[in-house]
C-alpha atoms as a PDB file:
ATOM      1  CA  UNK A   1      91.923  14.020 100.334  1.00  0.00           C
ATOM      2  CA  UNK A   2      93.082  11.212 102.481  1.00  0.00           C
ATOM      3  CA  UNK A   3      95.365  12.924 104.724  1.00  0.00           C
ATOM      4  CA  UNK A   4      97.859  11.752 107.423  1.00  0.00           C
ATOM      5  CA  UNK A   5      96.989  13.250 111.154  1.00  0.00           C
ATOM      6  CA  UNK A   6     100.738  15.528 110.883  1.00  0.00           C
ATOM      7  CA  UNK A   7      99.565  16.610 107.531  1.00  0.00           C
ATOM      8  CA  UNK A   8      95.869  17.693 108.496  1.00  0.00           C
ATOM      9  CA  UNK A   9      97.852  19.727 111.669  1.00  0.00           C
ATOM     10  CA  UNK A  10      99.960  21.123 109.433  1.00  0.00           C
ATOM     11  CA  UNK A  11      97.871  22.469 106.350  1.00  0.00           C
ATOM     12  CA  UNK A  12      95.280  23.850 109.511  1.00  0.00           C
ATOM     13  CA  UNK A  13      98.716  25.385 111.082  1.00  0.00           C
ATOM     14  CA  UNK A  14      99.167  27.505 107.817  1.00  0.00           C
ATOM     15  CA  UNK A  15      95.741  28.726 107.645  1.00  0.00           C
ATOM     16  CA  UNK A  16      96.066  29.992 111.397  1.00  0.00           C
ATOM     17  CA  UNK A  17      99.260  31.565 110.676  1.00  0.00           C
ATOM     18  CA  UNK A  18      97.534  33.706 107.607  1.00  0.00           C
ATOM     19  CA  UNK A  19      94.319  34.467 109.138  1.00  0.00           C
ATOM     20  CA  UNK A  20      94.248  34.219 113.036  1.00  0.00           C
ATOM     21  CA  UNK A  21      95.259  37.348 115.405  1.00  0.00           C
ATOM     22  CA  UNK A  22      95.850  38.116 119.074  1.00  0.00           C
ATOM     23  CA  UNK A  23      94.297  42.130 119.407  1.00  0.00           C
ATOM     24  CA  UNK A  24      96.946  43.792 121.744  1.00  0.00           C
ATOM     25  CA  UNK A  25      96.390  47.829 121.908  1.00  0.00           C
ATOM     26  CA  UNK A  26      94.854  47.413 118.061  1.00  0.00           C
ATOM     27  CA  UNK A  27      97.996  45.828 116.942  1.00  0.00           C
ATOM     28  CA  UNK A  28      97.603  42.934 115.282  1.00  0.00           C
ATOM     29  CA  UNK A  29      99.843  39.782 115.869  1.00  0.00           C
ATOM     30  CA  UNK A  30      99.003  36.884 114.224  1.00  0.00           C
ATOM     31  CA  UNK A  31      99.832  33.388 115.569  1.00  0.00           C
ATOM     32  CA  UNK A  32     102.342  32.468 112.931  1.00  0.00           C
ATOM     33  CA  UNK A  33     104.179  35.596 114.195  1.00  0.00           C
ATOM     34  CA  UNK A  34     103.683  34.167 117.697  1.00  0.00           C
ATOM     35  CA  UNK A  35     104.560  31.070 117.380  1.00  0.00           C
ATOM     36  CA  UNK A  36     101.587  30.176 118.161  1.00  0.00           C
ATOM     37  CA  UNK A  37     100.169  28.691 114.971  1.00  0.00           C
ATOM     38  CA  UNK A  38     101.083  24.854 115.641  1.00  0.00           C
ATOM     39  CA  UNK A  39      99.856  24.593 119.026  1.00  0.00           C
ATOM     40  CA  UNK A  40      96.151  25.954 118.081  1.00  0.00           C
ATOM     41  CA  UNK A  41      95.885  23.624 115.323  1.00  0.00           C
ATOM     42  CA  UNK A  42      97.052  20.226 117.737  1.00  0.00           C
ATOM     43  CA  UNK A  43      93.754  21.493 119.576  1.00  0.00           C
ATOM     44  CA  UNK A  44      91.394  22.068 116.909  1.00  0.00           C
ATOM     45  CA  UNK A  45      92.439  18.838 115.415  1.00  0.00           C
ATOM     46  CA  UNK A  46      89.625  16.899 116.895  1.00  0.00           C
ATOM     47  CA  UNK A  47      87.336  19.710 116.345  1.00  0.00           C
ATOM     48  CA  UNK A  48      88.130  18.982 112.817  1.00  0.00           C
ATOM     49  CA  UNK A  49      87.738  15.374 112.389  1.00  0.00           C
ATOM     50  CA  UNK A  50      84.936  15.688 113.887  1.00  0.00           C
ATOM     51  CA  UNK A  51      83.320  17.855 112.534  1.00  0.00           C
ATOM     52  CA  UNK A  52      82.641  19.934 115.201  1.00  0.00           C
ATOM     53  CA  UNK A  53      84.034  23.742 115.222  1.00  0.00           C
ATOM     54  CA  UNK A  54      80.707  25.613 116.570  1.00  0.00           C
ATOM     55  CA  UNK A  55      81.872  29.235 118.643  1.00  0.00           C
ATOM     56  CA  UNK A  56      81.629  27.002 121.801  1.00  0.00           C
ATOM     57  CA  UNK A  57      83.886  24.568 120.440  1.00  0.00           C
ATOM     58  CA  UNK A  58      86.502  26.797 119.276  1.00  0.00           C
ATOM     59  CA  UNK A  59      86.376  29.335 122.024  1.00  0.00           C
ATOM     60  CA  UNK A  60      86.660  26.416 124.405  1.00  0.00           C
ATOM     61  CA  UNK A  61      90.055  25.359 122.563  1.00  0.00           C
ATOM     62  CA  UNK A  62      91.313  29.131 122.234  1.00  0.00           C
ATOM     63  CA  UNK A  63      90.532  29.046 126.346  1.00  0.00           C
ATOM     64  CA  UNK A  64      92.779  26.195 126.871  1.00  0.00           C
ATOM     65  CA  UNK A  65      96.011  27.838 125.864  1.00  0.00           C
ATOM     66  CA  UNK A  66      97.740  29.616 128.618  1.00  0.00           C
ATOM     67  CA  UNK A  67      99.358  33.053 127.478  1.00  0.00           C
ATOM     68  CA  UNK A  68     102.199  34.215 129.486  1.00  0.00           C
ATOM     69  CA  UNK A  69     102.563  38.313 129.170  1.00  0.00           C
ATOM     70  CA  UNK A  70     104.609  40.708 131.140  1.00  0.00           C
ATOM     71  CA  UNK A  71     107.700  38.324 131.294  1.00  0.00           C
ATOM     72  CA  UNK A  72     105.100  35.614 132.948  1.00  0.00           C
ATOM     73  CA  UNK A  73     104.054  38.312 135.722  1.00  0.00           C
ATOM     74  CA  UNK A  74     100.267  37.571 134.567  1.00  0.00           C
ATOM     75  CA  UNK A  75      98.400  35.226 132.284  1.00  0.00           C
ATOM     76  CA  UNK A  76      95.775  34.851 130.111  1.00  0.00           C
ATOM     77  CA  UNK A  77      94.249  32.806 127.779  1.00  0.00           C
ATOM     78  CA  UNK A  78      94.496  32.858 123.967  1.00  0.00           C
ATOM     79  CA  UNK A  79      90.302  33.319 123.561  1.00  0.00           C
ATOM     80  CA  UNK A  80      91.332  36.438 125.885  1.00  0.00           C
ATOM     81  CA  UNK A  81      93.411  37.654 123.133  1.00  0.00           C
ATOM     82  CA  UNK A  82      91.561  36.177 119.769  1.00  0.00           C
ATOM     83  CA  UNK A  83      88.646  39.173 118.871  1.00  0.00           C
ATOM     84  CA  UNK A  84      84.892  37.922 117.606  1.00  0.00           C
ATOM     85  CA  UNK A  85      85.742  38.192 113.995  1.00  0.00           C
ATOM     86  CA  UNK A  86      89.173  36.472 113.639  1.00  0.00           C
ATOM     87  CA  UNK A  87      87.642  33.654 116.077  1.00  0.00           C
ATOM     88  CA  UNK A  88      84.800  33.368 113.123  1.00  0.00           C
ATOM     89  CA  UNK A  89      87.533  32.925 110.520  1.00  0.00           C
ATOM     90  CA  UNK A  90      88.913  30.589 112.160  1.00  0.00           C
ATOM     91  CA  UNK A  91      85.288  28.790 111.990  1.00  0.00           C
ATOM     92  CA  UNK A  92      85.449  29.151 108.940  1.00  0.00           C
ATOM     93  CA  UNK A  93      89.080  27.744 107.875  1.00  0.00           C
ATOM     94  CA  UNK A  94      88.048  24.741 110.164  1.00  0.00           C
ATOM     95  CA  UNK A  95      84.795  24.433 107.758  1.00  0.00           C
ATOM     96  CA  UNK A  96      86.965  24.798 104.522  1.00  0.00           C
ATOM     97  CA  UNK A  97      89.722  22.401 105.678  1.00  0.00           C
ATOM     98  CA  UNK A  98      87.083  19.497 106.972  1.00  0.00           C
ATOM     99  CA  UNK A  99      84.796  19.892 103.797  1.00  0.00           C
ATOM    100  CA  UNK A 100      88.272  19.137 101.639  1.00  0.00           C
ATOM    101  CA  UNK A 101      88.548  15.635 103.852  1.00  0.00           C
END
């Protein structure tokens, strides 16, 4: 498969939208619904191309995305909101897409 950068980011964003969620008070908000799927896909694209999607790399990418809560009264990172299971699912998505390259 030979895809352009924008096609790969779009494919990754589509997978993220359906698989990765934030857990807030036991409520799952999928990143597609939160409009964060493309932002995360853009941050993960270099990892996908490099074939480096280990736990540390994915966690660092999630920590790089700030999320404002309470109308901006406080800020956390996406890593603070995405549970371990969803991070593992994200690593699987990255592995599957990398194999298709």
